[in-house]
Amino acid sequence: MISKDLLFAFMDSLKEPFLFADLNHTVLYMNSAAKKYYSGGEKLLNTNLLDCHDADSNRQIQEIFDVMRHEGLDEHLITVREKYNIYMRAVRDRNGEFIGYYERFENKLLQTGETF
């Protein structure tokens, strides 16, 4: 079994922000990059992710969340920028039950070595 410390070390080694929210949209984990990237940083932990977004973004998150939960969607592209894309990705337990989601960044600048 992999220890939590090893998993946290692995996640913190990622250059891209990673934020996990549970079924209530509570932010349960942010890697180091996410703490630097998101406004409010570490203060977002244990808060509702929907409180950080406007009504349109909340609607989009909730719609994708519902499809993930009820129809088995695994991933959806939610933001396209010049330097990166952001995806909302489902997390499921060993039984395939939906337990939350995370925001996954895809860095378009990996070839150049630039960062966000």
PDB file of N, CA and C in Angstrom:
ATOM      1  N   MET A   1       0.843  -1.190   0.000  1.00  0.00           N
ATOM      2  CA  MET A   1       0.000   0.000   0.000  1.00  0.00           C
ATOM      3  C   MET A   1       0.880   1.242   0.000  1.00  0.00           C
ATOM      4  N   ILE A   2       0.522   2.212  -0.807  1.00  0.00           N
ATOM      5  CA  ILE A   2       1.261   3.469  -0.890  1.00  0.00           C
ATOM      6  C   ILE A   2       0.829   4.380   0.254  1.00  0.00           C
ATOM      7  N   SER A   3       1.801   4.995   0.910  1.00  0.00           N
ATOM      8  CA  SER A   3       1.491   5.882   2.029  1.00  0.00           C
ATOM      9  C   SER A   3       0.953   7.221   1.524  1.00  0.00           C
ATOM     10  N   LYS A   4       0.214   7.906   2.387  1.00  0.00           N
ATOM     11  CA  LYS A   4      -0.283   9.248   2.056  1.00  0.00           C
ATOM     12  C   LYS A   4       0.880  10.203   1.813  1.00  0.00           C
ATOM     13  N   ASP A   5       1.937  10.067   2.609  1.00  0.00           N
ATOM     14  CA  ASP A   5       3.096  10.951   2.448  1.00  0.00           C
ATOM     15  C   ASP A   5       3.697  10.813   1.051  1.00  0.00           C
ATOM     16  N   LEU A   6       3.784   9.579   0.552  1.00  0.00           N
ATOM     17  CA  LEU A   6       4.324   9.367  -0.786  1.00  0.00           C
ATOM     18  C   LEU A   6       3.391   9.958  -1.841  1.00  0.00           C
ATOM     19  N   LEU A   7       2.095   9.768  -1.685  1.00  0.00           N
ATOM     20  CA  LEU A   7       1.137  10.339  -2.629  1.00  0.00           C
ATOM     21  C   LEU A   7       1.207  11.866  -2.630  1.00  0.00           C
ATOM     22  N   PHE A   8       1.265  12.480  -1.441  1.00  0.00           N
ATOM     23  CA  PHE A   8       1.366  13.940  -1.368  1.00  0.00           C
ATOM     24  C   PHE A   8       2.663  14.430  -1.999  1.00  0.00           C
ATOM     25  N   ALA A   9       3.771  13.718  -1.761  1.00  0.00           N
ATOM     26  CA  ALA A   9       5.046  14.096  -2.365  1.00  0.00           C
ATOM     27  C   ALA A   9       4.960  14.011  -3.882  1.00  0.00           C
ATOM     28  N   PHE A  10       4.333  12.976  -4.377  1.00  0.00           N
ATOM     29  CA  PHE A  10       4.153  12.822  -5.819  1.00  0.00           C
ATOM     30  C   PHE A  10       3.329  13.974  -6.383  1.00  0.00           C
ATOM     31  N   MET A  11       2.199  14.265  -5.757  1.00  0.00           N
ATOM     32  CA  MET A  11       1.321  15.330  -6.252  1.00  0.00           C
ATOM     33  C   MET A  11       2.009  16.695  -6.174  1.00  0.00           C
ATOM     34  N   ASP A  12       2.776  16.922  -5.115  1.00  0.00           N
ATOM     35  CA  ASP A  12       3.476  18.200  -4.978  1.00  0.00           C
ATOM     36  C   ASP A  12       4.617  18.353  -5.981  1.00  0.00           C
ATOM     37  N   SER A  13       5.079  17.240  -6.541  1.00  0.00           N
ATOM     38  CA  SER A  13       6.144  17.326  -7.540  1.00  0.00           C
ATOM     39  C   SER A  13       5.619  17.762  -8.904  1.00  0.00           C
ATOM     40  N   LEU A  14       4.303  17.709  -9.111  1.00  0.00           N
ATOM     41  CA  LEU A  14       3.715  18.141 -10.380  1.00  0.00           C
ATOM     42  C   LEU A  14       3.850  19.650 -10.528  1.00  0.00           C
ATOM     43  N   LYS A  15       4.206  20.106 -11.716  1.00  0.00           N
ATOM     44  CA  LYS A  15       4.326  21.539 -11.971  1.00  0.00           C
ATOM     45  C   LYS A  15       2.968  22.191 -12.175  1.00  0.00           C
ATOM     46  N   GLU A  16       2.002  21.403 -12.635  1.00  0.00           N
ATOM     47  CA  GLU A  16       0.679  21.939 -12.913  1.00  0.00           C
ATOM     48  C   GLU A  16      -0.187  21.918 -11.646  1.00  0.00           C
ATOM     49  N   PRO A  17      -1.058  22.920 -11.501  1.00  0.00           N
ATOM     50  CA  PRO A  17      -1.973  22.943 -10.358  1.00  0.00           C
ATOM     51  C   PRO A  17      -2.905  21.736 -10.374  1.00  0.00           C
ATOM     52  N   PHE A  18      -3.159  21.189  -9.198  1.00  0.00           N
ATOM     53  CA  PHE A  18      -4.065  20.053  -9.012  1.00  0.00           C
ATOM     54  C   PHE A  18      -4.912  20.340  -7.788  1.00  0.00           C
ATOM     55  N   LEU A  19      -6.232  20.320  -7.967  1.00  0.00           N
ATOM     56  CA  LEU A  19      -7.166  20.616  -6.886  1.00  0.00           C
ATOM     57  C   LEU A  19      -8.244  19.545  -6.898  1.00  0.00           C
ATOM     58  N   PHE A  20      -8.477  18.876  -5.762  1.00  0.00           N
ATOM     59  CA  PHE A  20      -9.496  17.837  -5.642  1.00  0.00           C
ATOM     60  C   PHE A  20     -10.654  18.330  -4.782  1.00  0.00           C
ATOM     61  N   ALA A  21     -11.875  18.087  -5.264  1.00  0.00           N
ATOM     62  CA  ALA A  21     -13.083  18.432  -4.504  1.00  0.00           C
ATOM     63  C   ALA A  21     -13.957  17.187  -4.367  1.00  0.00           C
ATOM     64  N   ASP A  22     -14.650  17.079  -3.239  1.00  0.00           N
ATOM     65  CA  ASP A  22     -15.513  15.920  -2.997  1.00  0.00           C
ATOM     66  C   ASP A  22     -16.913  16.135  -3.568  1.00  0.00           C
ATOM     67  N   LEU A  23     -17.837  15.271  -3.208  1.00  0.00           N
ATOM     68  CA  LEU A  23     -19.202  15.329  -3.746  1.00  0.00           C
ATOM     69  C   LEU A  23     -19.975  16.570  -3.309  1.00  0.00           C
ATOM     70  N   ASN A  24     -19.501  17.230  -2.271  1.00  0.00           N
ATOM     71  CA  ASN A  24     -20.125  18.477  -1.813  1.00  0.00           C
ATOM     72  C   ASN A  24     -19.381  19.700  -2.346  1.00  0.00           C
ATOM     73  N   HIS A  25     -18.440  19.473  -3.252  1.00  0.00           N
ATOM     74  CA  HIS A  25     -17.606  20.524  -3.856  1.00  0.00           C
ATOM     75  C   HIS A  25     -16.640  21.142  -2.851  1.00  0.00           C
ATOM     76  N   THR A  26     -16.382  20.435  -1.753  1.00  0.00           N
ATOM     77  CA  THR A  26     -15.423  20.907  -0.760  1.00  0.00           C
ATOM     78  C   THR A  26     -14.011  20.607  -1.237  1.00  0.00           C
ATOM     79  N   VAL A  27     -13.141  21.607  -1.219  1.00  0.00           N
ATOM     80  CA  VAL A  27     -11.755  21.430  -1.634  1.00  0.00           C
ATOM     81  C   VAL A  27     -11.025  20.668  -0.529  1.00  0.00           C
ATOM     82  N   LEU A  28     -10.633  19.428  -0.833  1.00  0.00           N
ATOM     83  CA  LEU A  28      -9.960  18.594   0.158  1.00  0.00           C
ATOM     84  C   LEU A  28      -8.457  18.532  -0.036  1.00  0.00           C
ATOM     85  N   TYR A  29      -8.001  18.827  -1.245  1.00  0.00           N
ATOM     86  CA  TYR A  29      -6.565  18.761  -1.492  1.00  0.00           C
ATOM     87  C   TYR A  29      -6.167  19.743  -2.590  1.00  0.00           C
ATOM     88  N   MET A  30      -5.027  20.377  -2.381  1.00  0.00           N
ATOM     89  CA  MET A  30      -4.387  21.217  -3.392  1.00  0.00           C
ATOM     90  C   MET A  30      -2.896  20.910  -3.342  1.00  0.00           C
ATOM     91  N   ASN A  31      -2.280  20.699  -4.515  1.00  0.00           N
ATOM     92  CA  ASN A  31      -0.832  20.527  -4.498  1.00  0.00           C
ATOM     93  C   ASN A  31      -0.170  21.907  -4.377  1.00  0.00           C
ATOM     94  N   SER A  32       1.143  21.905  -4.257  1.00  0.00           N
ATOM     95  CA  SER A  32       1.871  23.169  -4.071  1.00  0.00           C
ATOM     96  C   SER A  32       1.630  24.144  -5.211  1.00  0.00           C
ATOM     97  N   ALA A  33       1.598  23.624  -6.449  1.00  0.00           N
ATOM     98  CA  ALA A  33       1.366  24.492  -7.608  1.00  0.00           C
ATOM     99  C   ALA A  33      -0.012  25.137  -7.541  1.00  0.00           C
ATOM    100  N   ALA A  34      -1.018  24.404  -7.096  1.00  0.00           N
ATOM    101  CA  ALA A  34      -2.375  24.955  -6.981  1.00  0.00           C
ATOM    102  C   ALA A  34      -2.434  26.030  -5.899  1.00  0.00           C
ATOM    103  N   LYS A  35      -1.734  25.820  -4.810  1.00  0.00           N
ATOM    104  CA  LYS A  35      -1.716  26.809  -3.732  1.00  0.00           C
ATOM    105  C   LYS A  35      -1.119  28.132  -4.204  1.00  0.00           C
ATOM    106  N   LYS A  36      -0.191  28.056  -5.159  1.00  0.00           N
ATOM    107  CA  LYS A  36       0.411  29.263  -5.716  1.00  0.00           C
ATOM    108  C   LYS A  36      -0.452  29.867  -6.817  1.00  0.00           C
ATOM    109  N   TYR A  37      -1.100  29.018  -7.592  1.00  0.00           N
ATOM    110  CA  TYR A  37      -1.848  29.469  -8.772  1.00  0.00           C
ATOM    111  C   TYR A  37      -3.180  30.122  -8.431  1.00  0.00           C
ATOM    112  N   TYR A  38      -3.947  29.496  -7.547  1.00  0.00           N
ATOM    113  CA  TYR A  38      -5.299  29.974  -7.267  1.00  0.00           C
ATOM    114  C   TYR A  38      -5.306  31.138  -6.281  1.00  0.00           C
ATOM    115  N   SER A  39      -6.122  32.121  -6.567  1.00  0.00           N
ATOM    116  CA  SER A  39      -6.298  33.255  -5.669  1.00  0.00           C
ATOM    117  C   SER A  39      -6.815  32.737  -4.334  1.00  0.00           C
ATOM    118  N   GLY A  40      -6.187  33.119  -3.264  1.00  0.00           N
ATOM    119  CA  GLY A  40      -6.573  32.625  -1.946  1.00  0.00           C
ATOM    120  C   GLY A  40      -5.690  31.486  -1.482  1.00  0.00           C
ATOM    121  N   GLY A  41      -5.028  30.840  -2.425  1.00  0.00           N
ATOM    122  CA  GLY A  41      -4.083  29.776  -2.097  1.00  0.00           C
ATOM    123  C   GLY A  41      -4.625  28.740  -1.136  1.00  0.00           C
ATOM    124  N   GLU A  42      -3.834  28.430  -0.147  1.00  0.00           N
ATOM    125  CA  GLU A  42      -4.153  27.371   0.805  1.00  0.00           C
ATOM    126  C   GLU A  42      -5.452  27.643   1.580  1.00  0.00           C
ATOM    127  N   LYS A  43      -5.877  28.889   1.638  1.00  0.00           N
ATOM    128  CA  LYS A  43      -7.122  29.225   2.343  1.00  0.00           C
ATOM    129  C   LYS A  43      -8.341  28.592   1.681  1.00  0.00           C
ATOM    130  N   LEU A  44      -8.199  28.114   0.441  1.00  0.00           N
ATOM    131  CA  LEU A  44      -9.312  27.458  -0.253  1.00  0.00           C
ATOM    132  C   LEU A  44      -9.594  26.056   0.290  1.00  0.00           C
ATOM    133  N   LEU A  45      -8.609  25.464   0.974  1.00  0.00           N
ATOM    134  CA  LEU A  45      -8.828  24.133   1.536  1.00  0.00           C
ATOM    135  C   LEU A  45     -10.018  24.151   2.489  1.00  0.00           C
ATOM    136  N   ASN A  46     -10.851  23.125   2.386  1.00  0.00           N
ATOM    137  CA  ASN A  46     -12.045  22.948   3.219  1.00  0.00           C
ATOM    138  C   ASN A  46     -13.115  23.997   2.972  1.00  0.00           C
ATOM    139  N   THR A  47     -13.039  24.674   1.826  1.00  0.00           N
ATOM    140  CA  THR A  47     -14.105  25.601   1.445  1.00  0.00           C
ATOM    141  C   THR A  47     -14.835  25.017   0.242  1.00  0.00           C
ATOM    142  N   ASN A  48     -15.969  25.598  -0.087  1.00  0.00           N
ATOM    143  CA  ASN A  48     -16.752  25.130  -1.220  1.00  0.00           C
ATOM    144  C   ASN A  48     -16.212  25.747  -2.497  1.00  0.00           C
ATOM    145  N   LEU A  49     -15.835  24.890  -3.433  1.00  0.00           N
ATOM    146  CA  LEU A  49     -15.264  25.348  -4.695  1.00  0.00           C
ATOM    147  C   LEU A  49     -16.217  26.269  -5.442  1.00  0.00           C
ATOM    148  N   LEU A  50     -17.497  26.046  -5.303  1.00  0.00           N
ATOM    149  CA  LEU A  50     -18.478  26.873  -6.008  1.00  0.00           C
ATOM    150  C   LEU A  50     -18.486  28.312  -5.509  1.00  0.00           C
ATOM    151  N   ASP A  51     -18.023  28.535  -4.292  1.00  0.00           N
ATOM    152  CA  ASP A  51     -17.950  29.893  -3.755  1.00  0.00           C
ATOM    153  C   ASP A  51     -16.874  30.733  -4.449  1.00  0.00           C
ATOM    154  N   CYS A  52     -15.987  30.076  -5.178  1.00  0.00           N
ATOM    155  CA  CYS A  52     -14.872  30.767  -5.851  1.00  0.00           C
ATOM    156  C   CYS A  52     -15.198  31.130  -7.295  1.00  0.00           C
ATOM    157  N   HIS A  53     -16.371  30.746  -7.766  1.00  0.00           N
ATOM    158  CA  HIS A  53     -16.716  30.934  -9.167  1.00  0.00           C
ATOM    159  C   HIS A  53     -17.972  31.774  -9.319  1.00  0.00           C
ATOM    160  N   ASP A  54     -18.140  32.334 -10.510  1.00  0.00           N
ATOM    161  CA  ASP A  54     -19.356  33.082 -10.809  1.00  0.00           C
ATOM    162  C   ASP A  54     -20.484  32.116 -11.162  1.00  0.00           C
ATOM    163  N   ALA A  55     -21.677  32.655 -11.337  1.00  0.00           N
ATOM    164  CA  ALA A  55     -22.870  31.825 -11.580  1.00  0.00           C
ATOM    165  C   ALA A  55     -22.735  30.963 -12.831  1.00  0.00           C
ATOM    166  N   ASP A  56     -22.176  31.517 -13.902  1.00  0.00           N
ATOM    167  CA  ASP A  56     -22.033  30.748 -15.137  1.00  0.00           C
ATOM    168  C   ASP A  56     -21.068  29.576 -14.946  1.00  0.00           C
ATOM    169  N   SER A  57     -19.950  29.817 -14.294  1.00  0.00           N
ATOM    170  CA  SER A  57     -18.987  28.743 -14.022  1.00  0.00           C
ATOM    171  C   SER A  57     -19.597  27.683 -13.114  1.00  0.00           C
ATOM    172  N   ASN A  58     -20.347  28.118 -12.098  1.00  0.00           N
ATOM    173  CA  ASN A  58     -21.003  27.168 -11.199  1.00  0.00           C
ATOM    174  C   ASN A  58     -21.995  26.287 -11.950  1.00  0.00           C
ATOM    175  N   ARG A  59     -22.727  26.894 -12.875  1.00  0.00           N
ATOM    176  CA  ARG A  59     -23.677  26.121 -13.674  1.00  0.00           C
ATOM    177  C   ARG A  59     -22.937  25.067 -14.484  1.00  0.00           C
ATOM    178  N   GLN A  60     -21.836  25.478 -15.111  1.00  0.00           N
ATOM    179  CA  GLN A  60     -21.046  24.554 -15.917  1.00  0.00           C
ATOM    180  C   GLN A  60     -20.471  23.422 -15.059  1.00  0.00           C
ATOM    181  N   ILE A  61     -19.897  23.759 -13.922  1.00  0.00           N
ATOM    182  CA  ILE A  61     -19.338  22.746 -13.020  1.00  0.00           C
ATOM    183  C   ILE A  61     -20.421  21.775 -12.592  1.00  0.00           C
ATOM    184  N   GLN A  62     -21.584  22.292 -12.193  1.00  0.00           N
ATOM    185  CA  GLN A  62     -22.658  21.421 -11.720  1.00  0.00           C
ATOM    186  C   GLN A  62     -23.189  20.516 -12.831  1.00  0.00           C
ATOM    187  N   GLU A  63     -23.305  21.045 -14.046  1.00  0.00           N
ATOM    188  CA  GLU A  63     -23.769  20.224 -15.170  1.00  0.00           C
ATOM    189  C   GLU A  63     -22.799  19.077 -15.447  1.00  0.00           C
ATOM    190  N   ILE A  64     -21.508  19.384 -15.486  1.00  0.00           N
ATOM    191  CA  ILE A  64     -20.505  18.349 -15.725  1.00  0.00           C
ATOM    192  C   ILE A  64     -20.493  17.355 -14.574  1.00  0.00           C
ATOM    193  N   PHE A  65     -20.568  17.855 -13.361  1.00  0.00           N
ATOM    194  CA  PHE A  65     -20.613  17.021 -12.161  1.00  0.00           C
ATOM    195  C   PHE A  65     -21.764  16.012 -12.258  1.00  0.00           C
ATOM    196  N   ASP A  66     -22.948  16.479 -12.636  1.00  0.00           N
ATOM    197  CA  ASP A  66     -24.116  15.608 -12.734  1.00  0.00           C
ATOM    198  C   ASP A  66     -23.930  14.511 -13.780  1.00  0.00           C
ATOM    199  N   VAL A  67     -23.329  14.864 -14.921  1.00  0.00           N
ATOM    200  CA  VAL A  67     -23.085  13.862 -15.967  1.00  0.00           C
ATOM    201  C   VAL A  67     -22.035  12.855 -15.486  1.00  0.00           C
ATOM    202  N   MET A  68     -21.020  13.327 -14.777  1.00  0.00           N
ATOM    203  CA  MET A  68     -20.015  12.416 -14.219  1.00  0.00           C
ATOM    204  C   MET A  68     -20.659  11.449 -13.231  1.00  0.00           C
ATOM    205  N   ARG A  69     -21.496  11.985 -12.393  1.00  0.00           N
ATOM    206  CA  ARG A  69     -22.108  11.185 -11.330  1.00  0.00           C
ATOM    207  C   ARG A  69     -23.143  10.203 -11.866  1.00  0.00           C
ATOM    208  N   HIS A  70     -23.974  10.644 -12.800  1.00  0.00           N
ATOM    209  CA  HIS A  70     -25.113   9.817 -13.223  1.00  0.00           C
ATOM    210  C   HIS A  70     -24.919   9.095 -14.547  1.00  0.00           C
ATOM    211  N   GLU A  71     -23.975   9.586 -15.378  1.00  0.00           N
ATOM    212  CA  GLU A  71     -23.815   8.985 -16.700  1.00  0.00           C
ATOM    213  C   GLU A  71     -22.420   8.428 -16.946  1.00  0.00           C
ATOM    214  N   GLY A  72     -21.531   8.542 -15.979  1.00  0.00           N
ATOM    215  CA  GLY A  72     -20.215   7.926 -16.081  1.00  0.00           C
ATOM    216  C   GLY A  72     -19.159   8.697 -16.853  1.00  0.00           C
ATOM    217  N   LEU A  73     -19.411   9.963 -17.155  1.00  0.00           N
ATOM    218  CA  LEU A  73     -18.395  10.772 -17.835  1.00  0.00           C
ATOM    219  C   LEU A  73     -17.123  10.803 -16.988  1.00  0.00           C
ATOM    220  N   ASP A  74     -15.978  10.644 -17.641  1.00  0.00           N
ATOM    221  CA  ASP A  74     -14.709  10.660 -16.915  1.00  0.00           C
ATOM    222  C   ASP A  74     -14.012  12.010 -16.950  1.00  0.00           C
ATOM    223  N   GLU A  75     -14.109  12.725 -18.076  1.00  0.00           N
ATOM    224  CA  GLU A  75     -13.363  13.977 -18.190  1.00  0.00           C
ATOM    225  C   GLU A  75     -14.058  14.913 -19.167  1.00  0.00           C
ATOM    226  N   HIS A  76     -13.938  16.215 -18.870  1.00  0.00           N
ATOM    227  CA  HIS A  76     -14.533  17.221 -19.743  1.00  0.00           C
ATOM    228  C   HIS A  76     -13.628  18.450 -19.780  1.00  0.00           C
ATOM    229  N   LEU A  77     -13.366  18.945 -20.983  1.00  0.00           N
ATOM    230  CA  LEU A  77     -12.586  20.167 -21.157  1.00  0.00           C
ATOM    231  C   LEU A  77     -13.440  21.358 -20.727  1.00  0.00           C
ATOM    232  N   ILE A  78     -12.931  22.152 -19.776  1.00  0.00           N
ATOM    233  CA  ILE A  78     -13.733  23.269 -19.283  1.00  0.00           C
ATOM    234  C   ILE A  78     -13.152  24.643 -19.626  1.00  0.00           C
ATOM    235  N   THR A  79     -11.835  24.717 -19.884  1.00  0.00           N
ATOM    236  CA  THR A  79     -11.213  26.002 -20.179  1.00  0.00           C
ATOM    237  C   THR A  79     -10.124  25.820 -21.227  1.00  0.00           C
ATOM    238  N   VAL A  80     -10.118  26.698 -22.218  1.00  0.00           N
ATOM    239  CA  VAL A  80      -9.069  26.698 -23.241  1.00  0.00           C
ATOM    240  C   VAL A  80      -8.387  28.063 -23.195  1.00  0.00           C
ATOM    241  N   ARG A  81      -7.093  28.045 -22.967  1.00  0.00           N
ATOM    242  CA  ARG A  81      -6.281  29.263 -22.939  1.00  0.00           C
ATOM    243  C   ARG A  81      -5.103  29.092 -23.901  1.00  0.00           C
ATOM    244  N   GLU A  82      -4.397  30.159 -24.138  1.00  0.00           N
ATOM    245  CA  GLU A  82      -3.244  30.089 -25.045  1.00  0.00           C
ATOM    246  C   GLU A  82      -2.177  29.130 -24.528  1.00  0.00           C
ATOM    247  N   LYS A  83      -1.905  29.184 -23.226  1.00  0.00           N
ATOM    248  CA  LYS A  83      -0.824  28.389 -22.658  1.00  0.00           C
ATOM    249  C   LYS A  83      -1.264  27.052 -22.078  1.00  0.00           C
ATOM    250  N   TYR A  84      -2.554  26.888 -21.799  1.00  0.00           N
ATOM    251  CA  TYR A  84      -3.004  25.646 -21.162  1.00  0.00           C
ATOM    252  C   TYR A  84      -4.493  25.415 -21.390  1.00  0.00           C
ATOM    253  N   ASN A  85      -4.877  24.167 -21.186  1.00  0.00           N
ATOM    254  CA  ASN A  85      -6.288  23.774 -21.119  1.00  0.00           C
ATOM    255  C   ASN A  85      -6.540  23.292 -19.698  1.00  0.00           C
ATOM    256  N   ILE A  86      -7.791  23.426 -19.234  1.00  0.00           N
ATOM    257  CA  ILE A  86      -8.173  22.880 -17.933  1.00  0.00           C
ATOM    258  C   ILE A  86      -9.309  21.890 -18.160  1.00  0.00           C
ATOM    259  N   TYR A  87      -9.159  20.723 -17.542  1.00  0.00           N
ATOM    260  CA  TYR A  87     -10.157  19.673 -17.623  1.00  0.00           C
ATOM    261  C   TYR A  87     -10.726  19.398 -16.242  1.00  0.00           C
ATOM    262  N   MET A  88     -11.970  19.014 -16.198  1.00  0.00           N
ATOM    263  CA  MET A  88     -12.591  18.521 -14.967  1.00  0.00           C
ATOM    264  C   MET A  88     -12.602  17.001 -15.105  1.00  0.00           C
ATOM    265  N   ARG A  89     -12.010  16.294 -14.150  1.00  0.00           N
ATOM    266  CA  ARG A  89     -11.815  14.848 -14.236  1.00  0.00           C
ATOM    267  C   ARG A  89     -12.463  14.154 -13.048  1.00  0.00           C
ATOM    268  N   ALA A  90     -13.263  13.116 -13.317  1.00  0.00           N
ATOM    269  CA  ALA A  90     -13.925  12.349 -12.268  1.00  0.00           C
ATOM    270  C   ALA A  90     -12.928  11.471 -11.518  1.00  0.00           C
ATOM    271  N   VAL A  91     -13.189  11.281 -10.223  1.00  0.00           N
ATOM    272  CA  VAL A  91     -12.435  10.334  -9.412  1.00  0.00           C
ATOM    273  C   VAL A  91     -13.449   9.305  -8.903  1.00  0.00           C
ATOM    274  N   ARG A  92     -13.103   8.052  -9.088  1.00  0.00           N
ATOM    275  CA  ARG A  92     -13.976   6.954  -8.672  1.00  0.00           C
ATOM    276  C   ARG A  92     -13.207   6.018  -7.744  1.00  0.00           C
ATOM    277  N   ASP A  93     -13.923   5.427  -6.806  1.00  0.00           N
ATOM    278  CA  ASP A  93     -13.276   4.475  -5.898  1.00  0.00           C
ATOM    279  C   ASP A  93     -13.090   3.124  -6.595  1.00  0.00           C
ATOM    280  N   ARG A  94     -12.603   2.149  -5.874  1.00  0.00           N
ATOM    281  CA  ARG A  94     -12.327   0.825  -6.452  1.00  0.00           C
ATOM    282  C   ARG A  94     -13.570   0.133  -6.984  1.00  0.00           C
ATOM    283  N   ASN A  95     -14.731   0.536  -6.507  1.00  0.00           N
ATOM    284  CA  ASN A  95     -15.994  -0.040  -6.967  1.00  0.00           C
ATOM    285  C   ASN A  95     -16.612   0.755  -8.109  1.00  0.00           C
ATOM    286  N   GLY A  96     -15.912   1.787  -8.559  1.00  0.00           N
ATOM    287  CA  GLY A  96     -16.415   2.603  -9.652  1.00  0.00           C
ATOM    288  C   GLY A  96     -17.378   3.699  -9.228  1.00  0.00           C
ATOM    289  N   GLU A  97     -17.531   3.874  -7.911  1.00  0.00           N
ATOM    290  CA  GLU A  97     -18.435   4.916  -7.398  1.00  0.00           C
ATOM    291  C   GLU A  97     -17.755   6.280  -7.505  1.00  0.00           C
ATOM    292  N   PHE A  98     -18.498   7.250  -7.976  1.00  0.00           N
ATOM    293  CA  PHE A  98     -18.014   8.621  -8.108  1.00  0.00           C
ATOM    294  C   PHE A  98     -17.825   9.221  -6.722  1.00  0.00           C
ATOM    295  N   ILE A  99     -16.609   9.680  -6.418  1.00  0.00           N
ATOM    296  CA  ILE A  99     -16.327  10.221  -5.082  1.00  0.00           C
ATOM    297  C   ILE A  99     -15.863  11.672  -5.107  1.00  0.00           C
ATOM    298  N   GLY A 100     -15.689  12.229  -6.300  1.00  0.00           N
ATOM    299  CA  GLY A 100     -15.258  13.614  -6.402  1.00  0.00           C
ATOM    300  C   GLY A 100     -14.649  13.882  -7.756  1.00  0.00           C
ATOM    301  N   TYR A 101     -13.955  14.997  -7.841  1.00  0.00           N
ATOM    302  CA  TYR A 101     -13.367  15.400  -9.114  1.00  0.00           C
ATOM    303  C   TYR A 101     -12.167  16.297  -8.872  1.00  0.00           C
ATOM    304  N   TYR A 102     -11.379  16.451  -9.925  1.00  0.00           N
ATOM    305  CA  TYR A 102     -10.270  17.388  -9.834  1.00  0.00           C
ATOM    306  C   TYR A 102     -10.140  18.172 -11.118  1.00  0.00           C
ATOM    307  N   GLU A 103      -9.467  19.301 -11.011  1.00  0.00           N
ATOM    308  CA  GLU A 103      -9.146  20.117 -12.169  1.00  0.00           C
ATOM    309  C   GLU A 103      -7.758  19.713 -12.637  1.00  0.00           C
ATOM    310  N   ARG A 104      -7.664  19.328 -13.908  1.00  0.00           N
ATOM    311  CA  ARG A 104      -6.399  18.888 -14.491  1.00  0.00           C
ATOM    312  C   ARG A 104      -5.948  19.892 -15.536  1.00  0.00           C
ATOM    313  N   PHE A 105      -4.721  20.378 -15.384  1.00  0.00           N
ATOM    314  CA  PHE A 105      -4.143  21.316 -16.337  1.00  0.00           C
ATOM    315  C   PHE A 105      -3.356  20.547 -17.390  1.00  0.00           C
ATOM    316  N   GLU A 106      -3.444  21.012 -18.615  1.00  0.00           N
ATOM    317  CA  GLU A 106      -2.631  20.487 -19.700  1.00  0.00           C
ATOM    318  C   GLU A 106      -1.798  21.653 -20.213  1.00  0.00           C
ATOM    319  N   ASN A 107      -0.516  21.622 -19.923  1.00  0.00           N
ATOM    320  CA  ASN A 107       0.390  22.693 -20.286  1.00  0.00           C
ATOM    321  C   ASN A 107       0.746  22.578 -21.764  1.00  0.00           C
ATOM    322  N   LYS A 108       0.387  23.566 -22.540  1.00  0.00           N
ATOM    323  CA  LYS A 108       0.698  23.569 -23.974  1.00  0.00           C
ATOM    324  C   LYS A 108       2.137  23.998 -24.244  1.00  0.00           C
ATOM    325  N   LEU A 109       2.848  24.425 -23.207  1.00  0.00           N
ATOM    326  CA  LEU A 109       4.200  24.968 -23.385  1.00  0.00           C
ATOM    327  C   LEU A 109       5.289  23.989 -22.952  1.00  0.00           C
ATOM    328  N   LEU A 110       4.932  22.725 -22.742  1.00  0.00           N
ATOM    329  CA  LEU A 110       5.918  21.774 -22.272  1.00  0.00           C
ATOM    330  C   LEU A 110       7.132  21.698 -23.194  1.00  0.00           C
ATOM    331  N   GLN A 111       6.902  21.861 -24.475  1.00  0.00           N
ATOM    332  CA  GLN A 111       8.010  21.771 -25.433  1.00  0.00           C
ATOM    333  C   GLN A 111       8.998  22.927 -25.240  1.00  0.00           C
ATOM    334  N   THR A 112       8.547  24.068 -24.793  1.00  0.00           N
ATOM    335  CA  THR A 112       9.415  25.229 -24.666  1.00  0.00           C
ATOM    336  C   THR A 112      10.049  25.349 -23.284  1.00  0.00           C
ATOM    337  N   GLY A 113       9.525  24.593 -22.315  1.00  0.00           N
ATOM    338  CA  GLY A 113      10.042  24.681 -20.962  1.00  0.00           C
ATOM    339  C   GLY A 113       9.435  25.831 -20.172  1.00  0.00           C
ATOM    340  N   GLU A 114       8.545  26.611 -20.796  1.00  0.00           N
ATOM    341  CA  GLU A 114       7.890  27.704 -20.075  1.00  0.00           C
ATOM    342  C   GLU A 114       6.921  27.131 -19.056  1.00  0.00           C
ATOM    343  N   THR A 115       6.543  27.933 -18.078  1.00  0.00           N
ATOM    344  CA  THR A 115       5.554  27.532 -17.081  1.00  0.00           C
ATOM    345  C   THR A 115       4.400  28.523 -17.107  1.00  0.00           C
ATOM    346  N   PHE A 116       3.388  28.251 -16.320  1.00  0.00           N
ATOM    347  CA  PHE A 116       2.214  29.104 -16.251  1.00  0.00           C
ATOM    348  C   PHE A 116       2.630  30.475 -15.734  1.00  0.00           C
TER     349      PHE A 116
END
